[in-house]
Structures are given as C-alpha cells and as structure tokens.
C-alpha cells in the first residue's frame, strides 16, 4: 500500500484556518445578498406606499362613489405593503444573524491564526 506522509499538526491547523476563511467568505457573500434584497424590498415598500397613497387620494377625490373595485384596490395595496413589511422584517433578522456569524467567524479566525503563528 501507499505510505501516507505523517502530517504535522501545523498542516492540520492550516487546513482548519482555510476552512474558516472559506466559511467566512461564504457568510459575507450571503450577507451582501441579503443586504441587496433588503434594500430592494425597502424600495418596493416605498413604491407601494406611494401607490397606496395615490390610490387613496383618487378615492377621496371621487367622494362617495366608491366602487367595490376601488375598495379591492386599497385592500390589495395594504396586503402588498404588509407582505413587503414582513419580508423586510425577516430579511433584517437574517441579516443580523449573518452579521453575528461573520463577526464570530472573524474572531475565531483571528484567534486561530494568532495561535498558529505563535
């Protein structure tokens, strides 16, 4: 059989550090993605709010002649807004979690590198 060279503990450590680095990179990329999604959702929400306001103004301008369609429009706007708000909330939570993970991994990595270089 083939003889496997005995690895020094240092090599193991390097592999571990590399794994941590990769993991950190992954988390940071995910964080960037979530931040993109978050700002996109917030832009959508602002748009939806403006649209809803426009719709409400139109309704008020029409006075009492509110048809069922317009009521539905308002309801649809409100639903869209509620949906976007919940998306934003869950993205914010995800974002916070990812930031924590990034921070934790960075610290872990720093400690490992420090220990490795001693």
Foldseek 3Di string as FASTA:
>chain_A
DDDDDDDDVLVVLVVVLVVLVVVLVVLVVVLVVLVVVLVVLVVVLVVLVVVLVVLVVVVVVVPPPDDPVSVVVNVVSVVSNVVSVVVNVVSVVSNVVSVVVSVVSVVVSVVSVVVSVD
